[in-house]
Amino acid sequence: MLHRSPGDVTEIAYRIEVRKMDLTQAEREAIQAVIEQQIMAFQKDDAIAAFAFASPDIQNQFGDPETFMSMVKTGYYSLYRPRSVVFSAVTLIQDSPAQKVILMDAEGDLVMAIYQMQQQLNGEWRIHGCFLTSVEEQLM
């Protein structure tokens, strides 16, 4: 179970989620495809491909694919090697679409990943951030 203090930024960000995001089916499918492709790249240890699905701001933050992959391996292992992936609702967080994804990790524990998405000028979607929370917290 993940523990958060009352002032935790992720808790605040999650609580401002107020409604489902109105996206077309094609936009929802495009968002899910980006996330699926990044997870597949993680499973193949393809740091370059995984890094390519991150938004420009995230790429600038980490600088190179190897640093990005190292961060995922150490801080987001359930994304790096999930046993199972199930897509849930797309919601709105801070005026951006956020895709909820339920992951089963290697130990069989369920984790909710919330992917903040960013649409690029060319229309493509990129992952602009992700935070993890336990599925138990979602049920409370």
Protein backbone atom coordinates (compact mmCIF):
# COMPACT_ATOMS: atom_id res chain seq x y z
CA MET A 1 0.00 0.00 0.00
CA LEU A 2 1.34 3.43 -0.92
CA HIS A 3 1.25 6.03 1.84
CA ARG A 4 0.84 9.71 1.15
CA SER A 5 0.92 12.70 3.45
CA PRO A 6 -2.08 15.09 3.32
CA GLY A 7 -0.03 17.70 1.46
CA ASP A 8 1.34 15.29 -1.15
CA VAL A 9 1.20 16.86 -4.61
CA THR A 10 -0.01 13.65 -6.28
CA GLU A 11 -2.89 13.41 -3.85
CA ILE A 12 -3.89 17.01 -4.60
CA ALA A 13 -3.56 16.47 -8.35
CA TYR A 14 -5.66 13.34 -8.15
CA ARG A 15 -8.41 15.02 -6.14
CA ILE A 16 -8.92 17.80 -8.69
CA GLU A 17 -10.00 15.21 -11.21
CA VAL A 18 -13.62 16.21 -11.69
CA ARG A 19 -15.00 14.75 -14.88
CA LYS A 20 -14.36 12.35 -17.69
CA MET A 21 -12.46 13.78 -20.61
CA ASP A 22 -14.45 14.28 -23.79
CA LEU A 23 -12.25 12.77 -26.48
CA THR A 24 -13.12 11.07 -29.71
CA GLN A 25 -12.70 7.31 -29.93
CA ALA A 26 -9.76 7.87 -32.28
CA GLU A 27 -8.06 10.14 -29.73
CA ARG A 28 -8.60 7.60 -26.94
CA GLU A 29 -7.15 4.85 -29.13
CA ALA A 30 -4.16 7.03 -30.04
CA ILE A 31 -3.45 7.76 -26.36
CA GLN A 32 -3.70 4.08 -25.45
CA ALA A 33 -1.44 3.12 -28.37
CA VAL A 34 1.29 5.50 -27.17
CA ILE A 35 1.17 4.02 -23.66
CA GLU A 36 1.10 0.43 -24.97
CA GLN A 37 4.05 1.10 -27.26
CA GLN A 38 6.08 2.65 -24.46
CA ILE A 39 5.37 -0.33 -22.17
CA MET A 40 6.38 -2.69 -25.00
CA ALA A 41 9.61 -0.70 -25.43
CA PHE A 42 10.29 -1.05 -21.68
CA GLN A 43 9.76 -4.81 -21.92
CA LYS A 44 12.31 -5.00 -24.77
CA ASP A 45 14.77 -2.75 -22.91
CA ASP A 46 14.55 -0.34 -25.86
CA ALA A 47 15.39 2.92 -24.09
CA ILE A 48 15.43 4.94 -27.33
CA ALA A 49 11.91 3.89 -28.33
CA ALA A 50 10.53 4.35 -24.79
CA PHE A 51 12.08 7.81 -24.55
CA ALA A 52 10.53 8.80 -27.90
CA PHE A 53 7.01 8.51 -26.39
CA ALA A 54 7.81 11.06 -23.66
CA SER A 55 6.85 14.70 -24.13
CA PRO A 56 9.60 17.19 -25.03
CA ASP A 57 9.55 18.55 -21.46
CA ILE A 58 10.10 15.06 -20.02
CA GLN A 59 12.87 14.41 -22.55
CA ASN A 60 14.56 17.68 -21.55
CA GLN A 61 14.20 16.78 -17.87
CA PHE A 62 16.05 13.46 -18.30
CA GLY A 63 18.35 14.42 -21.15
CA ASP A 64 18.90 11.02 -22.73
CA PRO A 65 17.19 7.63 -23.14
CA GLU A 66 19.52 5.78 -20.76
CA THR A 67 18.89 8.17 -17.86
CA PHE A 68 15.15 7.97 -18.52
CA MET A 69 15.21 4.15 -18.59
CA SER A 70 17.24 4.03 -15.37
CA MET A 71 14.61 6.19 -13.64
CA VAL A 72 11.81 3.89 -14.84
CA LYS A 73 13.64 0.75 -13.68
CA THR A 74 14.24 2.12 -10.20
CA GLY A 75 11.12 4.20 -9.56
CA TYR A 76 8.42 2.70 -11.78
CA TYR A 77 9.21 -1.00 -11.96
CA SER A 78 5.54 -1.93 -12.32
CA LEU A 79 5.56 0.03 -15.61
CA TYR A 80 8.85 -1.51 -16.67
CA ARG A 81 7.77 -5.14 -16.22
CA PRO A 82 4.00 -5.45 -15.77
CA ARG A 83 2.38 -8.89 -15.81
CA SER A 84 -0.91 -7.40 -16.95
CA VAL A 85 -2.16 -4.05 -18.29
CA VAL A 86 -5.81 -2.91 -18.33
CA PHE A 87 -6.92 0.50 -19.58
CA SER A 88 -9.56 2.34 -17.59
CA ALA A 89 -11.14 5.80 -17.96
CA VAL A 90 -9.60 8.93 -19.41
CA THR A 91 -10.07 11.84 -17.02
CA LEU A 92 -9.09 15.47 -16.84
CA ILE A 93 -6.25 16.58 -14.57
CA GLN A 94 -5.02 20.16 -14.74
CA ASP A 95 -6.80 20.68 -18.08
CA SER A 96 -5.00 17.74 -19.69
CA PRO A 97 -6.25 14.26 -20.49
CA ALA A 98 -5.02 11.58 -18.11
CA GLN A 99 -5.32 7.89 -18.92
CA LYS A 100 -5.85 5.53 -15.99
CA VAL A 101 -4.16 2.15 -16.39
CA ILE A 102 -4.37 -0.76 -13.96
CA LEU A 103 -1.15 -2.75 -13.81
CA MET A 104 -0.39 -6.05 -12.15
CA ASP A 105 3.23 -6.10 -11.05
CA ALA A 106 5.54 -9.12 -10.90
CA GLU A 107 4.32 -9.99 -7.37
CA GLY A 108 0.66 -9.90 -8.40
CA ASP A 109 -0.11 -6.57 -6.72
CA LEU A 110 -2.39 -4.13 -8.52
CA VAL A 111 -1.24 -0.57 -9.12
CA MET A 112 -3.05 2.34 -10.79
CA ALA A 113 -0.87 4.35 -13.18
CA ILE A 114 -2.22 7.73 -14.19
CA TYR A 115 -0.60 8.97 -17.38
CA GLN A 116 -0.83 12.67 -18.10
CA MET A 117 -0.88 13.15 -21.84
CA GLN A 118 0.15 16.08 -24.01
CA GLN A 119 -0.90 16.63 -27.61
CA GLN A 120 1.89 17.94 -29.81
CA LEU A 121 1.51 20.59 -32.51
CA ASN A 122 1.55 17.84 -35.14
CA GLY A 123 -1.42 16.15 -33.42
CA GLU A 124 0.54 13.25 -31.92
CA TRP A 125 0.12 12.35 -28.26
CA ARG A 126 3.07 12.06 -25.88
CA ILE A 127 3.33 11.03 -22.25
CA HIS A 128 3.81 14.13 -20.11
CA GLY A 129 4.08 12.41 -16.75
CA CYS A 130 2.91 9.41 -14.80
CA PHE A 131 2.21 8.75 -11.18
CA LEU A 132 1.38 5.54 -9.39
CA THR A 133 -1.12 4.88 -6.66
CA SER A 134 -2.41 1.68 -5.14
CA VAL A 135 -5.70 0.31 -6.41
CA GLU A 136 -6.78 0.07 -2.75
CA GLU A 137 -6.57 3.87 -2.48
CA GLN A 138 -8.84 4.18 -5.49
CA LEU A 139 -11.50 2.08 -3.75
CA MET A 140 -11.55 4.17 -0.56
